[in-house]
Amino acid sequence: MHYLLMYDVIDSYVAARVPFRKLHLQHAAAAHQRGELILGGALANPVDGAVLLFQGDSPKVAVDFAKADPYVVNGLVTRWRVREWTTVVGDNAAVKVDPNLL
């Protein structure tokens, strides 16, 4: 299953993240190495949030990531939420579309 972790961030996020960026990226790299985090990054123009794509048996992988993320712990994230995402197209889609439907 796939899960989206979505962050809303403070107005001064780009500047405020500087002291925590290395720790955050290490946290993300570790989740990626475990096979949990597929993609992640900040939204652009404006930089007012971030989206991270996780895979796992439950949303726990994304929830645990957020609870330990230096950006969350240090108040740069004002709100976060996890949504299950039913992926149907692509090599790693969780639910494959029946080719007969195409």
PDB file of N, CA and C in Angstrom:
ATOM      1  N   MET A   1       0.840  -1.183   0.000  1.00  0.00           N
ATOM      2  CA  MET A   1       0.000   0.000   0.000  1.00  0.00           C
ATOM      3  C   MET A   1       0.886   1.247   0.000  1.00  0.00           C
ATOM      4  N   HIS A   2       0.334   2.314  -0.534  1.00  0.00           N
ATOM      5  CA  HIS A   2       1.040   3.595  -0.553  1.00  0.00           C
ATOM      6  C   HIS A   2       0.335   4.588   0.364  1.00  0.00           C
ATOM      7  N   TYR A   3       1.141   5.454   0.959  1.00  0.00           N
ATOM      8  CA  TYR A   3       0.636   6.472   1.874  1.00  0.00           C
ATOM      9  C   TYR A   3       1.335   7.788   1.588  1.00  0.00           C
ATOM     10  N   LEU A   4       0.551   8.867   1.554  1.00  0.00           N
ATOM     11  CA  LEU A   4       1.107  10.201   1.400  1.00  0.00           C
ATOM     12  C   LEU A   4       1.158  10.869   2.757  1.00  0.00           C
ATOM     13  N   LEU A   5       2.324  11.377   3.103  1.00  0.00           N
ATOM     14  CA  LEU A   5       2.499  12.200   4.292  1.00  0.00           C
ATOM     15  C   LEU A   5       2.566  13.633   3.795  1.00  0.00           C
ATOM     16  N   MET A   6       1.635  14.464   4.244  1.00  0.00           N
ATOM     17  CA  MET A   6       1.565  15.848   3.772  1.00  0.00           C
ATOM     18  C   MET A   6       1.827  16.793   4.936  1.00  0.00           C
ATOM     19  N   TYR A   7       2.707  17.745   4.682  1.00  0.00           N
ATOM     20  CA  TYR A   7       3.078  18.740   5.688  1.00  0.00           C
ATOM     21  C   TYR A   7       2.579  20.118   5.270  1.00  0.00           C
ATOM     22  N   ASP A   8       2.061  20.869   6.231  1.00  0.00           N
ATOM     23  CA  ASP A   8       1.898  22.313   6.120  1.00  0.00           C
ATOM     24  C   ASP A   8       3.018  22.897   6.965  1.00  0.00           C
ATOM     25  N   VAL A   9       3.629  23.969   6.495  1.00  0.00           N
ATOM     26  CA  VAL A   9       4.814  24.496   7.178  1.00  0.00           C
ATOM     27  C   VAL A   9       4.653  25.974   7.522  1.00  0.00           C
ATOM     28  N   ILE A  10       5.519  26.457   8.415  1.00  0.00           N
ATOM     29  CA  ILE A  10       5.508  27.856   8.827  1.00  0.00           C
ATOM     30  C   ILE A  10       5.892  28.757   7.648  1.00  0.00           C
ATOM     31  N   ASP A  11       5.532  30.030   7.744  1.00  0.00           N
ATOM     32  CA  ASP A  11       5.813  30.978   6.666  1.00  0.00           C
ATOM     33  C   ASP A  11       7.301  31.111   6.371  1.00  0.00           C
ATOM     34  N   SER A  12       8.120  31.071   7.386  1.00  0.00           N
ATOM     35  CA  SER A  12       9.569  31.249   7.207  1.00  0.00           C
ATOM     36  C   SER A  12      10.296  29.916   7.054  1.00  0.00           C
ATOM     37  N   TYR A  13       9.613  28.925   6.524  1.00  0.00           N
ATOM     38  CA  TYR A  13      10.118  27.556   6.450  1.00  0.00           C
ATOM     39  C   TYR A  13      11.492  27.433   5.792  1.00  0.00           C
ATOM     40  N   VAL A  14      11.683  28.078   4.650  1.00  0.00           N
ATOM     41  CA  VAL A  14      12.939  27.918   3.908  1.00  0.00           C
ATOM     42  C   VAL A  14      14.129  28.347   4.767  1.00  0.00           C
ATOM     43  N   ALA A  15      14.011  29.459   5.449  1.00  0.00           N
ATOM     44  CA  ALA A  15      15.107  29.925   6.314  1.00  0.00           C
ATOM     45  C   ALA A  15      15.175  29.116   7.605  1.00  0.00           C
ATOM     46  N   ALA A  16      14.022  28.800   8.169  1.00  0.00           N
ATOM     47  CA  ALA A  16      13.990  28.116   9.467  1.00  0.00           C
ATOM     48  C   ALA A  16      14.483  26.678   9.397  1.00  0.00           C
ATOM     49  N   ARG A  17      14.410  26.064   8.237  1.00  0.00           N
ATOM     50  CA  ARG A  17      14.811  24.654   8.137  1.00  0.00           C
ATOM     51  C   ARG A  17      16.328  24.469   8.110  1.00  0.00           C
ATOM     52  N   VAL A  18      17.078  25.520   7.847  1.00  0.00           N
ATOM     53  CA  VAL A  18      18.523  25.406   7.667  1.00  0.00           C
ATOM     54  C   VAL A  18      19.203  24.632   8.800  1.00  0.00           C
ATOM     55  N   PRO A  19      18.969  24.960  10.079  1.00  0.00           N
ATOM     56  CA  PRO A  19      19.685  24.222  11.136  1.00  0.00           C
ATOM     57  C   PRO A  19      19.267  22.760  11.283  1.00  0.00           C
ATOM     58  N   PHE A  20      18.112  22.402  10.735  1.00  0.00           N
ATOM     59  CA  PHE A  20      17.576  21.046  10.893  1.00  0.00           C
ATOM     60  C   PHE A  20      17.631  20.233   9.605  1.00  0.00           C
ATOM     61  N   ARG A  21      18.057  20.840   8.513  1.00  0.00           N
ATOM     62  CA  ARG A  21      17.984  20.193   7.194  1.00  0.00           C
ATOM     63  C   ARG A  21      18.811  18.911   7.119  1.00  0.00           C
ATOM     64  N   LYS A  22      20.033  18.939   7.634  1.00  0.00           N
ATOM     65  CA  LYS A  22      20.878  17.749   7.576  1.00  0.00           C
ATOM     66  C   LYS A  22      20.237  16.598   8.355  1.00  0.00           C
ATOM     67  N   LEU A  23      19.727  16.872   9.544  1.00  0.00           N
ATOM     68  CA  LEU A  23      19.078  15.825  10.344  1.00  0.00           C
ATOM     69  C   LEU A  23      17.823  15.293   9.642  1.00  0.00           C
ATOM     70  N   HIS A  24      17.052  16.194   9.060  1.00  0.00           N
ATOM     71  CA  HIS A  24      15.847  15.781   8.333  1.00  0.00           C
ATOM     72  C   HIS A  24      16.212  14.891   7.148  1.00  0.00           C
ATOM     73  N   LEU A  25      17.219  15.305   6.384  1.00  0.00           N
ATOM     74  CA  LEU A  25      17.614  14.513   5.213  1.00  0.00           C
ATOM     75  C   LEU A  25      18.198  13.160   5.616  1.00  0.00           C
ATOM     76  N   GLN A  26      18.902  13.102   6.739  1.00  0.00           N
ATOM     77  CA  GLN A  26      19.404  11.814   7.242  1.00  0.00           C
ATOM     78  C   GLN A  26      18.237  10.916   7.646  1.00  0.00           C
ATOM     79  N   HIS A  27      17.247  11.515   8.287  1.00  0.00           N
ATOM     80  CA  HIS A  27      16.045  10.782   8.690  1.00  0.00           C
ATOM     81  C   HIS A  27      15.341  10.221   7.450  1.00  0.00           C
ATOM     82  N   ALA A  28      15.228  11.038   6.409  1.00  0.00           N
ATOM     83  CA  ALA A  28      14.587  10.609   5.169  1.00  0.00           C
ATOM     84  C   ALA A  28      15.408   9.527   4.470  1.00  0.00           C
ATOM     85  N   ALA A  29      16.716   9.694   4.435  1.00  0.00           N
ATOM     86  CA  ALA A  29      17.582   8.701   3.784  1.00  0.00           C
ATOM     87  C   ALA A  29      17.475   7.346   4.484  1.00  0.00           C
ATOM     88  N   ALA A  30      17.400   7.348   5.799  1.00  0.00           N
ATOM     89  CA  ALA A  30      17.271   6.091   6.542  1.00  0.00           C
ATOM     90  C   ALA A  30      15.943   5.406   6.209  1.00  0.00           C
ATOM     91  N   ALA A  31      14.863   6.183   6.109  1.00  0.00           N
ATOM     92  CA  ALA A  31      13.559   5.611   5.755  1.00  0.00           C
ATOM     93  C   ALA A  31      13.587   5.062   4.328  1.00  0.00           C
ATOM     94  N   HIS A  32      14.297   5.753   3.454  1.00  0.00           N
ATOM     95  CA  HIS A  32      14.429   5.274   2.073  1.00  0.00           C
ATOM     96  C   HIS A  32      15.231   3.965   2.030  1.00  0.00           C
ATOM     97  N   GLN A  33      16.301   3.906   2.779  1.00  0.00           N
ATOM     98  CA  GLN A  33      17.124   2.687   2.811  1.00  0.00           C
ATOM     99  C   GLN A  33      16.352   1.495   3.362  1.00  0.00           C
ATOM    100  N   ARG A  34      15.414   1.747   4.259  1.00  0.00           N
ATOM    101  CA  ARG A  34      14.574   0.670   4.798  1.00  0.00           C
ATOM    102  C   ARG A  34      13.476   0.258   3.816  1.00  0.00           C
ATOM    103  N   GLY A  35      13.350   0.997   2.699  1.00  0.00           N
ATOM    104  CA  GLY A  35      12.329   0.680   1.709  1.00  0.00           C
ATOM    105  C   GLY A  35      10.971   1.273   2.026  1.00  0.00           C
ATOM    106  N   GLU A  36      10.913   2.201   2.965  1.00  0.00           N
ATOM    107  CA  GLU A  36       9.636   2.798   3.368  1.00  0.00           C
ATOM    108  C   GLU A  36       9.328   4.070   2.576  1.00  0.00           C
ATOM    109  N   LEU A  37      10.291   4.958   2.461  1.00  0.00           N
ATOM    110  CA  LEU A  37      10.109   6.237   1.774  1.00  0.00           C
ATOM    111  C   LEU A  37      10.493   6.082   0.310  1.00  0.00           C
ATOM    112  N   ILE A  38       9.555   6.379  -0.573  1.00  0.00           N
ATOM    113  CA  ILE A  38       9.787   6.240  -2.009  1.00  0.00           C
ATOM    114  C   ILE A  38      10.272   7.563  -2.596  1.00  0.00           C
ATOM    115  N   LEU A  39       9.564   8.630  -2.324  1.00  0.00           N
ATOM    116  CA  LEU A  39       9.893   9.967  -2.807  1.00  0.00           C
ATOM    117  C   LEU A  39       9.472  10.978  -1.759  1.00  0.00           C
ATOM    118  N   GLY A  40      10.130  12.102  -1.736  1.00  0.00           N
ATOM    119  CA  GLY A  40       9.726  13.165  -0.831  1.00  0.00           C
ATOM    120  C   GLY A  40      10.328  14.474  -1.244  1.00  0.00           C
ATOM    121  N   GLY A  41       9.666  15.557  -0.888  1.00  0.00           N
ATOM    122  CA  GLY A  41      10.220  16.869  -1.176  1.00  0.00           C
ATOM    123  C   GLY A  41       9.231  17.972  -0.868  1.00  0.00           C
ATOM    124  N   ALA A  42       9.774  19.187  -0.879  1.00  0.00           N
ATOM    125  CA  ALA A  42       8.972  20.377  -0.610  1.00  0.00           C
ATOM    126  C   ALA A  42       8.155  20.759  -1.839  1.00  0.00           C
ATOM    127  N   LEU A  43       6.980  21.316  -1.604  1.00  0.00           N
ATOM    128  CA  LEU A  43       6.207  21.911  -2.682  1.00  0.00           C
ATOM    129  C   LEU A  43       6.891  23.214  -3.078  1.00  0.00           C
ATOM    130  N   ALA A  44       6.728  23.616  -4.319  1.00  0.00           N
ATOM    131  CA  ALA A  44       7.443  24.790  -4.819  1.00  0.00           C
ATOM    132  C   ALA A  44       6.483  25.846  -5.347  1.00  0.00           C
ATOM    133  N   ASN A  45       6.953  27.060  -5.279  1.00  0.00           N
ATOM    134  CA  ASN A  45       6.277  28.220  -5.882  1.00  0.00           C
ATOM    135  C   ASN A  45       4.824  28.374  -5.478  1.00  0.00           C
ATOM    136  N   PRO A  46       4.509  28.564  -4.225  1.00  0.00           N
ATOM    137  CA  PRO A  46       5.394  28.853  -3.102  1.00  0.00           C
ATOM    138  C   PRO A  46       5.786  27.588  -2.336  1.00  0.00           C
ATOM    139  N   VAL A  47       6.835  27.717  -1.551  1.00  0.00           N
ATOM    140  CA  VAL A  47       7.263  26.624  -0.675  1.00  0.00           C
ATOM    141  C   VAL A  47       6.401  26.724   0.591  1.00  0.00           C
ATOM    142  N   ASP A  48       5.263  26.044   0.553  1.00  0.00           N
ATOM    143  CA  ASP A  48       4.322  26.138   1.673  1.00  0.00           C
ATOM    144  C   ASP A  48       3.922  24.775   2.226  1.00  0.00           C
ATOM    145  N   GLY A  49       4.670  23.751   1.853  1.00  0.00           N
ATOM    146  CA  GLY A  49       4.374  22.418   2.344  1.00  0.00           C
ATOM    147  C   GLY A  49       5.320  21.410   1.747  1.00  0.00           C
ATOM    148  N   ALA A  50       5.074  20.151   2.069  1.00  0.00           N
ATOM    149  CA  ALA A  50       5.884  19.059   1.541  1.00  0.00           C
ATOM    150  C   ALA A  50       5.001  17.825   1.432  1.00  0.00           C
ATOM    151  N   VAL A  51       5.415  16.916   0.544  1.00  0.00           N
ATOM    152  CA  VAL A  51       4.699  15.656   0.355  1.00  0.00           C
ATOM    153  C   VAL A  51       5.728  14.542   0.288  1.00  0.00           C
ATOM    154  N   LEU A  52       5.466  13.479   1.034  1.00  0.00           N
ATOM    155  CA  LEU A  52       6.357  12.322   1.043  1.00  0.00           C
ATOM    156  C   LEU A  52       5.527  11.077   0.765  1.00  0.00           C
ATOM    157  N   LEU A  53       6.030  10.236  -0.113  1.00  0.00           N
ATOM    158  CA  LEU A  53       5.333   9.003  -0.504  1.00  0.00           C
ATOM    159  C   LEU A  53       5.986   7.813   0.177  1.00  0.00           C
ATOM    160  N   PHE A  54       5.186   7.075   0.934  1.00  0.00           N
ATOM    161  CA  PHE A  54       5.653   5.896   1.654  1.00  0.00           C
ATOM    162  C   PHE A  54       4.965   4.651   1.121  1.00  0.00           C
ATOM    163  N   GLN A  55       5.613   3.504   1.342  1.00  0.00           N
ATOM    164  CA  GLN A  55       4.973   2.223   1.086  1.00  0.00           C
ATOM    165  C   GLN A  55       5.123   1.368   2.331  1.00  0.00           C
ATOM    166  N   GLY A  56       4.105   0.562   2.589  1.00  0.00           N
ATOM    167  CA  GLY A  56       4.141  -0.315   3.754  1.00  0.00           C
ATOM    168  C   GLY A  56       2.813  -1.021   3.922  1.00  0.00           C
ATOM    169  N   ASP A  57       2.740  -1.816   4.971  1.00  0.00           N
ATOM    170  CA  ASP A  57       1.523  -2.573   5.254  1.00  0.00           C
ATOM    171  C   ASP A  57       0.455  -1.736   5.935  1.00  0.00           C
ATOM    172  N   SER A  58       0.861  -0.596   6.499  1.00  0.00           N
ATOM    173  CA  SER A  58      -0.078   0.269   7.208  1.00  0.00           C
ATOM    174  C   SER A  58       0.471   1.697   7.183  1.00  0.00           C
ATOM    175  N   PRO A  59      -0.348   2.668   7.570  1.00  0.00           N
ATOM    176  CA  PRO A  59       0.129   4.051   7.605  1.00  0.00           C
ATOM    177  C   PRO A  59       1.167   4.297   8.697  1.00  0.00           C
ATOM    178  N   LYS A  60       1.428   3.312   9.522  1.00  0.00           N
ATOM    179  CA  LYS A  60       2.367   3.462  10.628  1.00  0.00           C
ATOM    180  C   LYS A  60       3.748   3.931  10.163  1.00  0.00           C
ATOM    181  N   VAL A  61       4.193   3.499   8.985  1.00  0.00           N
ATOM    182  CA  VAL A  61       5.518   3.918   8.508  1.00  0.00           C
ATOM    183  C   VAL A  61       5.570   5.427   8.338  1.00  0.00           C
ATOM    184  N   ALA A  62       4.519   6.018   7.792  1.00  0.00           N
ATOM    185  CA  ALA A  62       4.479   7.465   7.596  1.00  0.00           C
ATOM    186  C   ALA A  62       4.264   8.201   8.917  1.00  0.00           C
ATOM    187  N   VAL A  63       3.393   7.675   9.761  1.00  0.00           N
ATOM    188  CA  VAL A  63       3.133   8.297  11.065  1.00  0.00           C
ATOM    189  C   VAL A  63       4.402   8.311  11.910  1.00  0.00           C
ATOM    190  N   ASP A  64       5.089   7.191  11.978  1.00  0.00           N
ATOM    191  CA  ASP A  64       6.325   7.110  12.770  1.00  0.00           C
ATOM    192  C   ASP A  64       7.387   8.054  12.222  1.00  0.00           C
ATOM    193  N   PHE A  65       7.464   8.166  10.895  1.00  0.00           N
ATOM    194  CA  PHE A  65       8.415   9.096  10.291  1.00  0.00           C
ATOM    195  C   PHE A  65       8.112  10.518  10.745  1.00  0.00           C
ATOM    196  N   ALA A  66       6.859  10.925  10.636  1.00  0.00           N
ATOM    197  CA  ALA A  66       6.486  12.294  10.999  1.00  0.00           C
ATOM    198  C   ALA A  66       6.768  12.587  12.469  1.00  0.00           C
ATOM    199  N   LYS A  67       6.412  11.671  13.337  1.00  0.00           N
ATOM    200  CA  LYS A  67       6.595  11.903  14.778  1.00  0.00           C
ATOM    201  C   LYS A  67       8.058  12.099  15.160  1.00  0.00           C
ATOM    202  N   ALA A  68       8.975  11.534  14.380  1.00  0.00           N
ATOM    203  CA  ALA A  68      10.407  11.637  14.679  1.00  0.00           C
ATOM    204  C   ALA A  68      11.139  12.632  13.775  1.00  0.00           C
ATOM    205  N   ASP A  69      10.440  13.235  12.826  1.00  0.00           N
ATOM    206  CA  ASP A  69      11.081  14.142  11.870  1.00  0.00           C
ATOM    207  C   ASP A  69      11.537  15.418  12.578  1.00  0.00           C
ATOM    208  N   PRO A  70      12.805  15.799  12.430  1.00  0.00           N
ATOM    209  CA  PRO A  70      13.289  17.040  13.053  1.00  0.00           C
ATOM    210  C   PRO A  70      12.479  18.277  12.659  1.00  0.00           C
ATOM    211  N   TYR A  71      11.915  18.314  11.482  1.00  0.00           N
ATOM    212  CA  TYR A  71      11.085  19.451  11.078  1.00  0.00           C
ATOM    213  C   TYR A  71       9.797  19.511  11.909  1.00  0.00           C
ATOM    214  N   VAL A  72       9.218  18.366  12.214  1.00  0.00           N
ATOM    215  CA  VAL A  72       8.008  18.310  13.039  1.00  0.00           C
ATOM    216  C   VAL A  72       8.365  18.597  14.492  1.00  0.00           C
ATOM    217  N   VAL A  73       9.373  17.908  14.994  1.00  0.00           N
ATOM    218  CA  VAL A  73       9.782  18.032  16.402  1.00  0.00           C
ATOM    219  C   VAL A  73      10.151  19.471  16.752  1.00  0.00           C
ATOM    220  N   ASN A  74      10.733  20.194  15.796  1.00  0.00           N
ATOM    221  CA  ASN A  74      11.200  21.559  16.055  1.00  0.00           C
ATOM    222  C   ASN A  74      10.236  22.640  15.584  1.00  0.00           C
ATOM    223  N   GLY A  75       8.995  22.273  15.282  1.00  0.00           N
ATOM    224  CA  GLY A  75       7.941  23.242  15.036  1.00  0.00           C
ATOM    225  C   GLY A  75       7.894  23.880  13.654  1.00  0.00           C
ATOM    226  N   LEU A  76       8.623  23.356  12.690  1.00  0.00           N
ATOM    227  CA  LEU A  76       8.559  23.904  11.336  1.00  0.00           C
ATOM    228  C   LEU A  76       7.301  23.450  10.610  1.00  0.00           C
ATOM    229  N   VAL A  77       6.760  22.323  11.020  1.00  0.00           N
ATOM    230  CA  VAL A  77       5.537  21.777  10.432  1.00  0.00           C
ATOM    231  C   VAL A  77       4.379  22.155  11.348  1.00  0.00           C
ATOM    232  N   THR A  78       3.403  22.868  10.787  1.00  0.00           N
ATOM    233  CA  THR A  78       2.256  23.318  11.586  1.00  0.00           C
ATOM    234  C   THR A  78       1.144  22.276  11.622  1.00  0.00           C
ATOM    235  N   ARG A  79       1.114  21.432  10.610  1.00  0.00           N
ATOM    236  CA  ARG A  79       0.099  20.386  10.535  1.00  0.00           C
ATOM    237  C   ARG A  79       0.624  19.291   9.623  1.00  0.00           C
ATOM    238  N   TRP A  80       0.369  18.033  10.000  1.00  0.00           N
ATOM    239  CA  TRP A  80       0.708  16.926   9.119  1.00  0.00           C
ATOM    240  C   TRP A  80      -0.426  15.917   9.142  1.00  0.00           C
ATOM    241  N   ARG A  81      -0.526  15.197   8.031  1.00  0.00           N
ATOM    242  CA  ARG A  81      -1.561  14.181   7.926  1.00  0.00           C
ATOM    243  C   ARG A  81      -1.100  13.094   6.963  1.00  0.00           C
ATOM    244  N   VAL A  82      -1.640  11.912   7.163  1.00  0.00           N
ATOM    245  CA  VAL A  82      -1.306  10.760   6.324  1.00  0.00           C
ATOM    246  C   VAL A  82      -2.586  10.314   5.632  1.00  0.00           C
ATOM    247  N   ARG A  83      -2.472  10.092   4.327  1.00  0.00           N
ATOM    248  CA  ARG A  83      -3.602   9.598   3.548  1.00  0.00           C
ATOM    249  C   ARG A  83      -3.191   8.358   2.794  1.00  0.00           C
ATOM    250  N   GLU A  84      -4.038   7.336   2.833  1.00  0.00           N
ATOM    251  CA  GLU A  84      -3.807   6.166   1.995  1.00  0.00           C
ATOM    252  C   GLU A  84      -4.045   6.585   0.546  1.00  0.00           C
ATOM    253  N   TRP A  85      -3.171   6.128  -0.336  1.00  0.00           N
ATOM    254  CA  TRP A  85      -3.255   6.499  -1.744  1.00  0.00           C
ATOM    255  C   TRP A  85      -3.356   5.221  -2.563  1.00  0.00           C
ATOM    256  N   THR A  86      -4.462   5.046  -3.257  1.00  0.00           N
ATOM    257  CA  THR A  86      -4.654   3.876  -4.101  1.00  0.00           C
ATOM    258  C   THR A  86      -4.005   4.155  -5.449  1.00  0.00           C
ATOM    259  N   THR A  87      -2.804   3.633  -5.630  1.00  0.00           N
ATOM    260  CA  THR A  87      -2.079   3.829  -6.885  1.00  0.00           C
ATOM    261  C   THR A  87      -2.474   2.724  -7.855  1.00  0.00           C
ATOM    262  N   VAL A  88      -2.733   3.118  -9.120  1.00  0.00           N
ATOM    263  CA  VAL A  88      -3.222   2.147 -10.099  1.00  0.00           C
ATOM    264  C   VAL A  88      -2.418   2.127 -11.398  1.00  0.00           C
ATOM    265  N   VAL A  89      -1.577   3.107 -11.619  1.00  0.00           N
ATOM    266  CA  VAL A  89      -0.787   3.167 -12.840  1.00  0.00           C
ATOM    267  C   VAL A  89       0.678   3.329 -12.471  1.00  0.00           C
ATOM    268  N   GLY A  90       1.536   2.602 -13.142  1.00  0.00           N
ATOM    269  CA  GLY A  90       2.970   2.683 -12.887  1.00  0.00           C
ATOM    270  C   GLY A  90       3.519   1.335 -12.464  1.00  0.00           C
ATOM    271  N   ASP A  91       4.836   1.213 -12.589  1.00  0.00           N
ATOM    272  CA  ASP A  91       5.487  -0.059 -12.288  1.00  0.00           C
ATOM    273  C   ASP A  91       5.255  -0.523 -10.861  1.00  0.00           C
ATOM    274  N   ASN A  92       5.163   0.409  -9.921  1.00  0.00           N
ATOM    275  CA  ASN A  92       5.027   0.045  -8.507  1.00  0.00           C
ATOM    276  C   ASN A  92       3.629   0.291  -7.960  1.00  0.00           C
ATOM    277  N   ALA A  93       2.639   0.375  -8.831  1.00  0.00           N
ATOM    278  CA  ALA A  93       1.265   0.604  -8.384  1.00  0.00           C
ATOM    279  C   ALA A  93       0.833  -0.500  -7.429  1.00  0.00           C
ATOM    280  N   ALA A  94       0.125  -0.106  -6.396  1.00  0.00           N
ATOM    281  CA  ALA A  94      -0.346  -1.079  -5.407  1.00  0.00           C
ATOM    282  C   ALA A  94      -1.484  -1.922  -5.958  1.00  0.00           C
ATOM    283  N   VAL A  95      -2.305  -1.338  -6.791  1.00  0.00           N
ATOM    284  CA  VAL A  95      -3.431  -2.035  -7.406  1.00  0.00           C
ATOM    285  C   VAL A  95      -3.269  -1.901  -8.912  1.00  0.00           C
ATOM    286  N   LYS A  96      -3.061  -2.999  -9.588  1.00  0.00           N
ATOM    287  CA  LYS A  96      -2.876  -2.965 -11.034  1.00  0.00           C
ATOM    288  C   LYS A  96      -4.226  -2.890 -11.744  1.00  0.00           C
ATOM    289  N   VAL A  97      -4.309  -2.021 -12.727  1.00  0.00           N
ATOM    290  CA  VAL A  97      -5.539  -1.909 -13.513  1.00  0.00           C
ATOM    291  C   VAL A  97      -5.605  -3.103 -14.471  1.00  0.00           C
ATOM    292  N   ASP A  98      -6.773  -3.700 -14.541  1.00  0.00           N
ATOM    293  CA  ASP A  98      -7.011  -4.801 -15.470  1.00  0.00           C
ATOM    294  C   ASP A  98      -6.834  -4.289 -16.886  1.00  0.00           C
ATOM    295  N   PRO A  99      -5.904  -4.868 -17.663  1.00  0.00           N
ATOM    296  CA  PRO A  99      -5.669  -4.395 -19.040  1.00  0.00           C
ATOM    297  C   PRO A  99      -6.921  -4.442 -19.908  1.00  0.00           C
ATOM    298  N   ASN A 100      -7.881  -5.285 -19.555  1.00  0.00           N
ATOM    299  CA  ASN A 100      -9.111  -5.375 -20.330  1.00  0.00           C
ATOM    300  C   ASN A 100      -9.985  -4.124 -20.165  1.00  0.00           C
ATOM    301  N   LEU A 101      -9.705  -3.344 -19.139  1.00  0.00           N
ATOM    302  CA  LEU A 101     -10.459  -2.119 -18.918  1.00  0.00           C
ATOM    303  C   LEU A 101      -9.934  -0.952 -19.744  1.00  0.00           C
ATOM    304  N   LEU A 102      -8.764  -1.123 -20.323  1.00  0.00           N
ATOM    305  CA  LEU A 102      -8.142  -0.024 -21.079  1.00  0.00           C
ATOM    306  C   LEU A 102      -8.603   0.002 -22.512  1.00  0.00           C
TER     307      LEU A 102
END
